[in-house]
Protein backbone atom coordinates (compact mmCIF):
# COMPACT_ATOMS: atom_id res chain seq x y z
CA MET A 1 141.74 -30.48 90.12
CA THR A 2 141.82 -33.91 88.51
CA SER A 3 142.90 -37.16 90.08
CA PRO A 4 146.45 -38.48 89.40
CA PRO A 5 146.76 -40.42 86.16
CA SER A 6 146.89 -44.12 86.40
CA ARG A 7 150.32 -45.75 86.11
CA MET A 8 149.00 -49.22 85.41
CA ASP A 9 148.02 -48.89 81.74
CA GLY A 10 146.61 -52.02 80.06
CA LEU A 11 145.52 -53.55 83.43
CA SER A 12 141.98 -54.24 84.31
CA VAL A 13 142.53 -52.84 87.79
CA SER A 14 142.24 -49.06 88.06
CA PRO A 15 143.84 -47.27 90.91
CA THR A 16 140.78 -45.05 91.58
CA PRO A 17 138.97 -46.09 94.73
CA ASN A 18 135.46 -46.30 93.24
CA THR A 19 136.56 -48.66 90.43
CA MET A 20 138.48 -50.85 92.85
CA ARG A 21 135.49 -51.06 95.21
CA THR A 22 133.27 -52.07 92.28
CA GLN A 23 135.76 -54.70 91.14
CA ARG A 24 135.94 -56.05 94.69
CA GLU A 25 132.11 -56.39 94.87
CA ASN A 26 132.00 -58.22 91.50
CA ASN A 27 134.69 -60.61 92.62
CA ASN A 28 132.81 -61.26 95.90
CA SER A 29 129.61 -62.06 94.06
CA ASN A 30 131.31 -64.38 91.58
CA ASN A 31 133.32 -66.22 94.17
CA LYS A 32 130.89 -66.77 97.10
CA ASP A 33 132.42 -70.23 97.83
CA THR A 34 135.80 -68.64 98.13
CA LYS A 35 134.81 -65.69 100.33
CA ASN A 36 138.07 -65.66 102.30
CA ALA A 37 140.30 -66.24 99.26
CA SER A 38 143.26 -63.92 98.85
CA THR A 39 143.55 -62.15 95.41
CA LEU A 40 145.28 -59.11 94.10
CA ASP A 41 141.98 -57.25 94.34
CA ASP A 42 141.82 -58.08 98.08
CA LEU A 43 144.63 -55.74 98.99
CA ASP A 44 143.95 -53.84 102.02
CA PHE A 45 142.43 -50.63 100.58
CA GLU A 46 140.50 -48.31 102.76
CA PRO A 47 137.12 -47.27 101.35
CA LEU A 48 137.10 -43.60 100.69
CA ASN A 49 134.06 -41.33 100.83
CA SER A 50 135.97 -38.27 99.77
CA SER A 51 136.89 -37.75 96.14
CA SER A 52 139.50 -35.12 96.82
CA THR A 53 142.84 -35.36 94.99
CA LEU A 54 144.78 -35.71 98.20
CA SER A 55 142.72 -38.73 99.36
CA GLN A 56 142.95 -40.36 95.96
CA THR A 57 146.74 -39.78 95.86
CA LYS A 58 147.14 -41.25 99.32
CA HIS A 59 145.10 -44.24 98.39
CA TYR A 60 147.04 -44.69 95.14
CA LEU A 61 150.36 -44.52 96.91
CA LYS A 62 149.26 -46.95 99.52
CA SER A 63 148.21 -49.38 96.75
CA LEU A 64 151.77 -49.26 95.47
CA HIS A 65 153.37 -49.49 98.95
CA PRO A 66 156.28 -50.26 98.98
CA PHE A 67 156.15 -48.97 95.38
CA LYS A 68 155.92 -52.58 93.96
CA ILE A 69 152.95 -54.97 93.76
CA LEU A 70 153.89 -58.32 95.31
CA LEU A 71 152.08 -61.68 94.95
CA PRO A 72 149.98 -62.71 97.92
CA LYS A 73 151.15 -65.70 99.90
CA GLN A 74 148.04 -67.82 98.99
CA PRO A 75 146.32 -66.63 95.91
CA SER A 76 142.84 -67.89 95.09
CA TYR A 77 143.74 -69.33 91.72
CA LEU A 78 145.60 -72.06 93.32
CA ASN A 79 142.35 -74.03 93.91
CA SER A 80 140.89 -73.33 90.47
CA SER A 81 141.18 -75.21 87.13
CA PRO A 82 144.56 -75.48 85.40
CA ALA A 83 143.49 -73.17 82.54
CA ARG A 84 142.36 -70.39 84.94
CA LYS A 85 145.34 -71.05 87.12
CA HIS A 86 147.65 -70.39 84.13
CA GLN A 87 145.70 -67.40 82.96
CA SER A 88 145.63 -65.86 86.43
CA LEU A 89 149.35 -66.50 86.93
CA GLU A 90 150.20 -64.91 83.64
CA SER A 91 147.98 -61.87 84.45
CA CYS A 92 149.61 -61.54 87.86
CA HIS A 93 153.12 -61.55 86.37
CA SER A 94 152.17 -59.05 83.73
CA MET A 95 150.68 -56.81 86.35
CA ILE A 96 153.76 -57.06 88.53
CA ASN A 97 156.18 -56.37 85.60
CA GLU A 98 154.09 -53.42 84.35
CA ALA A 99 153.67 -51.90 87.75
CA ASN A 100 157.41 -52.26 88.54
CA ARG A 101 158.25 -50.68 85.16
CA THR A 102 155.93 -47.75 85.51
CA VAL A 103 156.34 -46.67 89.07
CA PRO A 104 155.76 -42.88 88.99
CA PRO A 105 158.53 -40.49 90.07
CA LEU A 106 157.57 -39.27 93.49
CA GLU A 107 160.48 -37.12 94.54
CA GLY A 108 159.63 -33.48 94.82
CA ASN A 109 155.84 -34.22 94.83
CA PRO A 110 154.29 -32.14 97.73
CA LEU A 111 151.44 -34.65 97.97
CA PHE A 112 153.86 -37.43 98.45
CA GLU A 113 155.79 -35.43 101.06
CA LEU A 114 152.56 -34.91 103.00
CA TRP A 115 151.63 -38.57 102.73
CA LEU A 116 155.10 -39.51 103.82
CA LYS A 117 154.89 -37.39 106.93
CA GLU A 118 151.48 -38.88 107.83
CA ASP A 119 151.97 -42.55 107.08
CA TYR A 120 155.73 -43.06 107.48
CA SER A 121 156.29 -41.44 110.84
CA ASN A 122 157.19 -44.76 112.35
CA SER A 123 159.68 -45.62 109.65
CA ILE A 124 161.19 -42.11 109.95
CA VAL A 125 161.67 -42.56 113.64
CA SER A 126 163.28 -45.93 113.12
CA SER A 127 165.50 -44.56 110.41
CA SER A 128 166.57 -41.70 112.70
CA LEU A 129 167.29 -44.27 115.45
CA ARG A 130 169.46 -46.25 113.01
CA LEU A 131 171.32 -43.09 111.99
CA LYS A 132 171.93 -42.26 115.59
CA GLN A 133 173.16 -45.78 116.23
CA ASN A 134 175.56 -45.62 113.24
CA GLN A 135 176.81 -42.29 114.34
CA THR A 136 177.36 -43.67 117.87
CA GLU A 137 179.37 -46.49 116.45
CA LYS A 138 181.46 -44.06 114.43
CA ASN A 139 182.00 -41.92 117.38
CA GLN A 140 183.12 -44.96 119.42
CA GLN A 141 185.46 -45.94 116.66
CA LEU A 142 186.96 -42.44 116.44
CA LEU A 143 187.29 -42.45 120.21
CA MET A 144 189.13 -45.75 120.06
CA GLU A 145 191.40 -44.41 117.43
CA HIS A 146 192.03 -41.34 119.48
CA HIS A 147 193.05 -43.49 122.52
CA GLN A 148 195.37 -45.48 120.32
CA GLN A 149 197.00 -42.39 118.88
CA THR A 150 197.28 -40.90 122.40
CA HIS A 151 198.95 -44.14 123.65
CA ILE A 152 201.36 -44.15 120.68
CA LEU A 153 202.19 -40.48 121.25
CA HIS A 154 202.87 -41.24 124.94
CA SER A 155 205.19 -44.05 123.98
CA PHE A 156 207.19 -41.81 121.59
CA ASN A 157 207.37 -39.04 124.16
CA GLU A 158 208.77 -41.50 126.77
CA LEU A 159 211.51 -42.51 124.35
CA LEU A 160 212.34 -38.92 123.19
CA SER A 161 212.43 -37.63 126.75
CA GLN A 162 215.31 -39.92 127.72
CA PRO A 163 218.74 -38.39 128.25
CA VAL A 164 220.07 -40.76 125.53
CA VAL A 165 217.48 -41.91 123.04
CA ASP A 166 217.56 -45.54 122.28
CA ILE A 167 217.58 -45.56 118.46
CA LEU A 168 216.84 -49.24 118.12
CA GLN A 169 213.76 -48.95 120.34
CA LEU A 170 212.64 -45.90 118.43
CA GLN A 171 213.04 -47.85 115.14
CA THR A 172 211.18 -50.81 116.51
CA LEU A 173 208.34 -48.70 117.73
CA THR A 174 207.99 -47.01 114.38
CA LEU A 175 207.96 -50.27 112.40
CA VAL A 176 205.72 -52.32 114.85
CA SER A 177 203.02 -49.74 115.32
CA LYS A 178 200.17 -50.07 112.92
CA SER A 179 199.65 -46.37 112.66
CA SER A 180 202.25 -43.80 111.54
CA ILE A 181 204.54 -41.69 113.69
CA PRO A 182 202.47 -39.07 115.53
CA PRO A 183 202.77 -35.74 113.64
CA GLN A 184 203.66 -33.86 116.80
CA VAL A 185 206.96 -35.61 116.99
CA ARG A 186 207.57 -36.81 113.44
CA CYS A 187 210.26 -34.28 112.49
CA GLN A 188 212.30 -35.05 115.59
CA VAL A 189 211.86 -38.83 115.11
CA TRP A 190 212.94 -38.65 111.50
CA GLN A 191 216.10 -36.69 112.24
CA LEU A 192 216.96 -39.12 115.03
CA LEU A 193 216.43 -42.16 112.86
CA LEU A 194 218.49 -40.70 110.13
CA ARG A 195 221.33 -40.07 112.68
CA TYR A 196 221.16 -36.28 111.97
CA HIS A 197 220.24 -35.47 115.56
CA HIS A 198 222.55 -36.99 118.11
CA PRO A 199 220.92 -39.46 120.55
CA ASN A 200 222.55 -37.72 123.51
CA ALA A 201 220.50 -34.70 124.39
CA ASP A 202 223.45 -32.94 126.04
CA ILE A 203 225.45 -32.68 122.80
CA ARG A 204 222.58 -32.59 120.30
CA ALA A 205 222.41 -28.83 120.07
CA ALA A 206 226.18 -28.40 119.62
CA GLN A 207 226.30 -31.16 117.02
CA LEU A 208 223.33 -29.59 115.12
CA SER A 209 225.03 -26.23 115.02
CA LEU A 210 228.29 -27.81 113.67
CA SER A 211 226.34 -29.56 110.96
CA ARG A 212 224.67 -26.39 109.88
CA GLU A 213 227.93 -24.55 109.77
CA LEU A 214 229.62 -27.31 107.76
CA TYR A 215 226.81 -27.14 105.17
CA LYS A 216 227.15 -23.37 104.88
CA THR A 217 230.96 -23.67 104.50
CA ASN A 218 230.66 -26.27 101.74
CA LEU A 219 227.96 -24.32 99.88
CA ASN A 220 229.95 -21.15 99.90
CA ALA A 221 232.99 -23.03 98.66
CA LEU A 222 230.91 -24.43 95.74
CA LEU A 223 229.36 -21.06 94.84
CA SER A 224 232.64 -19.21 95.10
CA GLN A 225 234.27 -21.37 92.49
CA ALA A 226 234.71 -20.29 88.92
CA PRO A 227 231.70 -21.62 87.03
CA THR A 228 232.63 -24.55 84.83
CA ARG A 229 230.63 -25.95 82.00
CA GLU A 230 229.66 -28.99 84.05
CA VAL A 231 228.49 -26.96 87.07
CA THR A 232 226.59 -24.54 84.87
CA SER A 233 224.84 -27.33 83.04
CA LEU A 234 224.05 -29.03 86.38
CA PHE A 235 222.39 -25.96 87.88
CA ASN A 236 220.44 -25.21 84.70
CA GLN A 237 218.98 -28.73 84.77
CA ILE A 238 218.11 -28.38 88.48
CA LYS A 239 216.34 -25.07 87.78
CA LEU A 240 214.22 -26.80 85.12
CA ASP A 241 213.32 -29.70 87.40
CA ILE A 242 212.36 -27.72 90.51
CA PRO A 243 209.02 -26.44 89.19
CA ARG A 244 208.24 -29.96 88.07
CA SER A 245 208.55 -31.33 91.61
CA ASN A 246 205.53 -33.01 93.20
CA SER A 247 204.14 -30.09 95.20
CA PHE A 248 201.06 -31.88 96.54
CA ASN A 249 198.74 -29.23 95.15
CA HIS A 250 200.94 -26.35 96.48
CA PHE A 251 202.35 -25.17 93.20
CA GLU A 252 202.83 -21.64 94.29
CA PHE A 253 205.12 -22.70 97.17
CA PHE A 254 207.87 -23.79 94.76
CA GLN A 255 207.55 -20.49 92.90
CA VAL A 256 208.76 -18.57 96.01
CA PRO A 257 212.31 -17.37 95.23
CA ARG A 258 213.73 -18.32 98.59
CA VAL A 259 212.24 -21.86 98.45
CA HIS A 260 213.43 -22.28 94.91
CA ALA A 261 216.89 -21.21 96.07
CA ILE A 262 216.82 -23.75 98.93
CA LEU A 263 216.18 -26.69 96.56
CA LEU A 264 218.76 -25.33 94.03
CA HIS A 265 221.48 -25.16 96.66
CA VAL A 266 220.61 -28.51 98.29
CA LEU A 267 220.45 -30.44 95.03
CA GLY A 268 223.50 -28.71 93.54
CA LEU A 269 225.70 -29.41 96.53
CA TRP A 270 224.52 -32.98 96.88
CA SER A 271 225.28 -33.67 93.20
CA TYR A 272 228.74 -32.03 93.54
CA GLU A 273 229.59 -34.19 96.51
CA HIS A 274 228.36 -37.42 94.95
CA PRO A 275 230.26 -37.67 91.65
CA ALA A 276 229.67 -41.43 91.43
CA ILE A 277 225.90 -41.00 91.23
CA GLN A 278 225.48 -37.44 89.79
CA TYR A 279 222.24 -35.62 89.66
CA PHE A 280 219.27 -37.40 88.16
CA GLN A 281 215.68 -36.38 87.45
CA GLY A 282 213.56 -37.44 90.42
CA LEU A 283 216.09 -36.49 93.09
CA ASN A 284 214.08 -33.23 93.47
CA ASP A 285 211.04 -35.30 94.40
CA LEU A 286 213.00 -36.98 97.16
CA CYS A 287 213.54 -33.58 98.74
CA VAL A 288 209.77 -32.73 98.96
CA PRO A 289 208.74 -35.07 101.83
CA PHE A 290 211.66 -33.90 103.98
CA LEU A 291 210.88 -30.25 103.19
CA PHE A 292 207.25 -30.62 104.25
CA VAL A 293 208.10 -32.48 107.41
CA LEU A 294 210.70 -29.93 108.43
CA ILE A 295 208.21 -27.04 107.90
CA SER A 296 205.39 -28.93 109.73
CA ALA A 297 207.44 -28.95 112.91
CA GLU A 298 206.60 -25.34 113.31
CA PHE A 299 202.94 -26.05 113.09
CA ASN A 300 202.59 -28.95 115.51
CA GLY A 301 203.10 -31.49 112.83
CA SER A 302 200.23 -30.29 110.64
CA PHE A 303 200.65 -30.19 106.87
CA SER A 304 197.91 -27.57 106.43
CA PHE A 305 200.34 -24.77 107.09
CA PHE A 306 199.40 -22.68 104.02
CA PRO A 307 198.85 -19.72 104.04
CA GLU A 308 199.87 -19.42 107.71
CA PHE A 309 203.46 -20.21 106.70
CA TYR A 310 203.74 -17.02 104.61
CA LYS A 311 202.43 -14.98 107.51
CA ARG A 312 204.86 -16.34 110.10
CA PHE A 313 207.85 -16.63 107.74
CA PRO A 314 207.32 -14.04 104.95
CA PRO A 315 210.09 -14.45 102.39
CA SER A 316 209.97 -10.72 101.78
CA SER A 317 211.26 -10.05 105.27
CA ILE A 318 214.41 -12.15 105.03
CA ASP A 319 216.68 -9.14 104.53
CA SER A 320 215.03 -7.03 107.24
CA ASN A 321 214.40 -9.81 109.87
CA PRO A 322 217.43 -11.82 111.00
CA GLU A 323 215.29 -14.43 112.70
CA ILE A 324 213.36 -15.25 109.48
CA ALA A 325 216.60 -15.34 107.58
CA ALA A 326 218.07 -17.76 110.13
CA TYR A 327 215.01 -19.96 109.93
CA TYR A 328 215.37 -20.36 106.16
CA ASP A 329 219.12 -21.03 106.51
CA HIS A 330 218.46 -23.75 109.08
CA LEU A 331 215.72 -25.20 106.97
CA GLU A 332 218.06 -25.35 103.98
CA ALA A 333 220.87 -27.07 106.00
CA ASP A 334 218.53 -29.58 107.67
CA LEU A 335 217.01 -30.48 104.31
CA TYR A 336 220.42 -31.09 102.85
CA TRP A 337 221.59 -33.37 105.66
CA CYS A 338 218.30 -35.33 105.73
CA LEU A 339 218.59 -36.00 102.01
CA THR A 340 222.25 -36.93 102.33
CA LEU A 341 221.74 -39.34 105.21
CA PHE A 342 218.69 -40.87 103.53
CA THR A 343 220.63 -41.59 100.27
CA GLN A 344 224.01 -42.59 101.71
CA GLY A 345 225.32 -46.13 101.79
CA LYS A 346 226.39 -48.76 99.34
CA TYR A 347 222.84 -49.88 98.34
CA PHE A 348 221.73 -46.42 97.18
CA ALA A 349 224.98 -45.93 95.35
CA HIS A 350 224.59 -49.42 93.80
CA TYR A 351 221.04 -48.89 92.49
CA TYR A 352 221.50 -45.25 91.44
CA ARG A 353 224.72 -45.54 89.57
CA GLU A 354 225.15 -43.33 86.50
CA ASP A 355 225.48 -46.34 84.14
CA MET A 356 221.98 -47.46 84.97
CA THR A 357 223.09 -51.05 85.76
CA GLY A 358 221.60 -50.73 89.24
CA VAL A 359 218.28 -49.57 87.81
CA SER A 360 218.26 -52.64 85.57
CA GLU A 361 218.84 -54.88 88.53
CA TRP A 362 215.98 -53.21 90.49
CA ILE A 363 213.63 -53.71 87.57
CA ARG A 364 214.52 -57.39 87.28
CA ASN A 365 213.87 -57.84 91.03
CA PHE A 366 210.66 -55.86 90.70
CA GLU A 367 209.38 -58.08 87.83
CA PHE A 368 210.31 -61.23 89.72
CA MET A 369 208.53 -60.04 92.89
CA THR A 370 205.45 -59.21 90.78
CA LYS A 371 205.63 -62.74 89.32
CA ILE A 372 205.64 -64.53 92.73
CA TYR A 373 202.92 -62.18 94.16
CA ASP A 374 200.39 -62.11 91.22
CA ARG A 375 201.18 -64.50 88.43
CA GLU A 376 198.04 -63.54 86.44
CA LEU A 377 199.10 -59.84 86.40
CA PHE A 378 202.59 -60.77 85.40
CA GLU A 379 201.42 -62.99 82.51
CA LYS A 380 199.12 -60.18 81.28
CA MET A 381 201.98 -57.75 81.22
CA LYS A 382 204.09 -60.30 79.40
CA ILE A 383 201.36 -60.86 76.79
CA LEU A 384 201.13 -57.14 76.09
CA GLY A 385 204.85 -56.99 75.82
CA ILE A 386 205.29 -54.48 78.74
CA GLU A 387 208.51 -54.54 80.67
CA GLY A 388 209.17 -52.90 84.04
CA GLY A 389 211.64 -50.43 82.63
CA MET A 390 208.93 -48.86 80.57
CA TYR A 391 207.03 -47.46 83.54
CA ALA A 392 208.54 -48.44 86.93
CA VAL A 393 211.80 -46.42 86.92
CA PRO A 394 210.14 -43.31 88.48
CA TRP A 395 208.61 -45.55 91.17
CA MET A 396 212.09 -46.48 92.18
CA ILE A 397 213.70 -43.11 91.99
CA CYS A 398 210.91 -41.03 93.68
CA GLY A 399 210.06 -43.52 96.39
CA MET A 400 206.46 -43.83 95.13
CA SER A 401 205.76 -40.22 96.19
CA ARG A 402 204.30 -39.31 92.82
CA GLU A 403 202.08 -42.33 92.38
CA LEU A 404 200.67 -41.80 95.87
CA GLY A 405 200.82 -38.04 95.77
CA GLY A 406 197.19 -37.14 96.28
CA GLU A 407 197.73 -36.13 99.95
CA ILE A 408 201.05 -35.52 101.65
CA GLU A 409 199.81 -37.05 104.91
CA GLN A 410 199.31 -40.40 103.34
CA VAL A 411 202.64 -40.46 101.43
CA ILE A 412 204.44 -39.57 104.65
CA LYS A 413 202.87 -42.57 106.43
CA ILE A 414 204.75 -44.78 103.98
CA TRP A 415 207.93 -42.71 104.29
CA ASP A 416 207.76 -43.18 108.05
CA LYS A 417 208.62 -46.85 107.37
CA TYR A 418 211.23 -45.90 104.79
CA VAL A 419 213.09 -43.74 107.28
CA ALA A 420 212.87 -46.31 110.03
CA THR A 421 214.50 -49.10 107.93
CA ASP A 422 218.19 -49.48 107.08
CA GLU A 423 219.41 -48.78 103.51
CA GLU A 424 219.10 -52.38 102.31
CA GLU A 425 215.57 -52.96 103.62
CA ARG A 426 214.56 -49.48 102.38
CA VAL A 427 215.22 -50.47 98.78
CA LYS A 428 213.17 -53.69 99.29
CA GLU A 429 210.35 -51.78 100.95
CA ASN A 430 210.19 -49.40 98.04
CA MET A 431 210.07 -52.42 95.71
CA ARG A 432 207.26 -53.99 97.67
CA CYS A 433 205.24 -50.81 97.62
CA ALA A 434 205.70 -50.62 93.86
CA VAL A 435 204.42 -54.13 93.45
CA ALA A 436 201.46 -53.40 95.74
CA TRP A 437 200.55 -50.25 93.76
CA LEU A 438 200.69 -52.25 90.55
CA LYS A 439 198.17 -54.51 92.15
CA GLU A 440 196.00 -51.50 92.78
CA VAL A 441 195.69 -50.74 89.10
CA LYS A 442 195.42 -54.45 88.14
CA GLU A 443 191.78 -53.99 86.90
CA ASP A 444 192.92 -51.27 84.45
CA VAL A 445 195.77 -53.40 83.27
CA MET A 446 193.60 -56.50 82.70
CA LYS A 447 191.17 -54.51 80.63
CA GLY A 448 193.95 -53.04 78.47
CA LYS A 449 194.53 -54.41 74.95
CA ASP A 450 197.02 -51.95 73.64
CA MET A 451 200.57 -51.84 74.99
CA GLY A 452 200.97 -48.14 74.49
CA ARG A 453 197.76 -47.17 76.34
CA VAL A 454 198.53 -49.42 79.27
CA VAL A 455 202.10 -48.02 79.58
CA LYS A 456 200.80 -44.50 79.38
CA MET A 457 198.14 -45.33 82.05
CA LEU A 458 200.85 -46.68 84.38
CA GLN A 459 203.04 -43.63 83.78
CA MET A 460 200.17 -41.24 84.50
CA GLY A 461 199.08 -43.09 87.64
CA GLY A 462 195.96 -44.99 86.44
CA VAL A 463 192.90 -44.50 84.24
CA ASP A 464 190.60 -41.70 85.38
CA ARG A 465 191.87 -41.96 88.95
CA ASP A 466 190.54 -39.39 91.37
CA VAL A 467 193.49 -37.52 92.99
CA SER A 468 191.45 -37.23 96.18
CA LYS A 469 191.28 -41.05 96.46
CA LYS A 470 195.03 -41.54 96.32
CA GLY A 471 195.28 -41.01 100.01
CA THR A 472 193.24 -44.09 100.72
CA GLU A 473 195.25 -45.88 98.08
CA ALA A 474 198.38 -45.11 100.02
CA GLU A 475 196.99 -46.88 103.11
CA ARG A 476 195.92 -49.86 101.01
CA VAL A 477 199.33 -49.97 99.32
CA TRP A 478 201.07 -50.17 102.65
CA LYS A 479 198.85 -52.94 103.89
CA ARG A 480 199.20 -54.81 100.70
CA ARG A 481 202.88 -54.38 100.87
CA GLY A 482 202.77 -56.76 103.82
CA GLU A 483 201.12 -59.35 101.57
CA VAL A 484 203.92 -58.88 99.08
CA LYS A 485 206.47 -59.39 101.85
CA LYS A 486 204.71 -62.59 102.95
CA ALA A 487 204.67 -63.89 99.39
CA GLU A 488 208.39 -63.07 99.18
CA GLU A 489 209.10 -64.87 102.49
CA LYS A 490 206.98 -67.85 101.33
CA TRP A 491 209.02 -68.12 98.13
CA GLU A 492 212.30 -67.84 100.04
CA ALA A 493 211.07 -70.58 102.38
CA ALA A 494 210.22 -72.76 99.43
CA VAL A 495 213.68 -72.08 98.00
CA LYS A 496 215.27 -73.02 101.21
CA THR A 497 213.10 -76.03 101.48
CA GLY A 498 214.08 -77.02 97.98
CA THR A 499 217.65 -76.33 98.70
CA MET A 500 217.56 -78.48 101.81
CA PHE A 501 215.79 -81.15 99.92
CA GLY A 502 218.40 -80.98 97.22
CA LEU A 503 221.17 -81.12 99.77
CA MET A 504 219.56 -84.15 101.37
CA VAL A 505 219.26 -85.93 98.02
CA VAL A 506 222.95 -85.09 97.39
CA ALA A 507 223.89 -86.40 100.81
CA ILE A 508 222.00 -89.56 100.25
CA LEU A 509 223.65 -90.03 96.86
CA MET A 510 227.04 -89.41 98.46
CA VAL A 511 226.34 -91.95 101.16
CA CYS A 512 225.22 -94.51 98.57
CA ILE A 513 228.40 -93.80 96.51
CA LEU A 514 230.63 -94.10 99.47
CA LYS A 515 228.87 -97.24 100.51
CA GLU A 516 229.29 -98.73 97.05
CA MET A 517 232.93 -97.74 97.04
CA TYR A 518 233.44 -99.29 100.45
CA HIS A 519 231.71 -102.44 99.33
CA ARG A 520 233.83 -102.57 96.19
CA TYR A 521 237.01 -102.00 98.16
CA HIS A 522 236.18 -104.82 100.51
CA MET A 523 235.22 -107.11 97.66
CA GLU A 524 238.53 -106.41 95.99
CA GLU A 525 240.39 -107.14 99.19
CA LYS A 526 238.38 -110.38 99.54
CA ILE A 527 239.14 -111.43 95.97
CA GLU A 528 242.76 -110.66 96.46
CA GLU A 529 242.88 -112.79 99.60
CA GLU A 530 241.13 -115.61 97.84
CA GLU A 531 243.55 -115.39 94.88
CA GLY A 532 246.44 -115.29 97.32
CA SER A 533 245.21 -118.32 99.16
CA GLU A 534 244.73 -120.20 95.87
CA GLU A 535 248.22 -119.35 94.84
CA GLU A 536 249.61 -120.61 98.16
CA GLU A 537 247.66 -123.87 97.81
CA GLU A 538 248.97 -124.28 94.22
CA GLN A 539 252.49 -123.63 95.49
CA GLU A 540 252.12 -126.15 98.30
CA SER A 541 250.63 -128.70 95.97
CA GLU A 542 253.59 -128.12 93.53
CA GLU A 543 256.03 -128.58 96.36
CA GLU A 544 254.39 -131.75 97.56
CA SER A 545 254.38 -133.11 94.01
CA GLU A 546 258.09 -132.28 93.63
CA GLU A 547 258.89 -134.02 96.92
CA ASP A 548 257.04 -137.06 95.81
């Protein structure tokens, strides 16, 4: 076996122990006056008697420890002549650069592994201690989060266990808590916040049964009608859109005939009963979060219910098993009422009108909110000639479910807040989340130079964005949404301040005008009095002259 090749080509110092020992002896003989001087050759090398490859490799590795040659604190050339000082300094720097550039690859080398075990036992122990400490800190953090979630779950259970649930307290608890609704009670909380479940527990079951029967009656009435051209066209469009729904990586679920029929009936009846809005592409995506939440109630709030769902509720057993058939019927009715109550109200009807004027208004407000939150991003979009209507319409219609659609759990955390707000605030929250997500892709937008590519990037959800990372994006978007709200409130406060200042200026001007008018009025009265007195004096003087 031969010794390892030298990695310090072109240097006068060889990594072999015999050569280094010879060089040290020469240096000691030439520098007797500087016996204790510190040079690069005075590195702490152990003299080796063995010429084995292992010993030479260990010595070579120790000479490079920690795999870079560093300058000593007090090199000997500091006391030498300027010429030698410069020459030594240049030589040292060249040695450092060459050694750092030619450090040999050591991974996978068995000799290196053996040396590592022998000489780095202390560092390994300290590293393991650090790993244990980091793991302990992570465990403590997880434990703290578990305690917080347990406390939040206890608070929700206390509210839900009341004979009459206080909806206002339930709404406040959902909005104030930093975390989302506990998954164990999310389905029940959503239905209470949407006013689908009655707050009074005594009449809740009866009211729920009546609502399901009403849905079944209305659906049968629609399906029993003679098919018109409008209804046929409507159902054909819905059939095309259902497979395009955001399935959160569960594409096969929407291919199940019974699930496909559920969405077809719900969307068809909703469109038939909302003639002012009509069906629009994206309404199918609004159904998906409600569908997943309703199904998760049977699995303790977990969204990882595939393939267990097919085992507990096999669609093939609908005709033979009345309980499974009833489950799917109730799921369909509950989905319809959740969608209807979520989209009811004047604000939804205003923004989702068929003439698209509401969408245009939403886009204008969205662009203005982007401007007050991030002026640089807004100006970049303006320079590229990109308008909000080119990319942000799906963000409004789908409630950001597609853009944050990597994991259903993260999207539902944002929808917890949507459901807990009233209809007016819900539209604003959706807009704030859209601005916050645009901030997430700001780096991609600022790098863009072509309008078409940037618009396509925004429509596709970002450049080379990993779907698995969208869950963390959803959390960041909701936190940043708070920043957008603060910017909005700051702007509103500035507007109010400006308005108050303007009113104060107007008031001061009015006071000045009134004061001037009052002054003029009194001046005119005084002038009239003086003129009247002068006339009286003239008359008196005339009378006196006549008497004389």
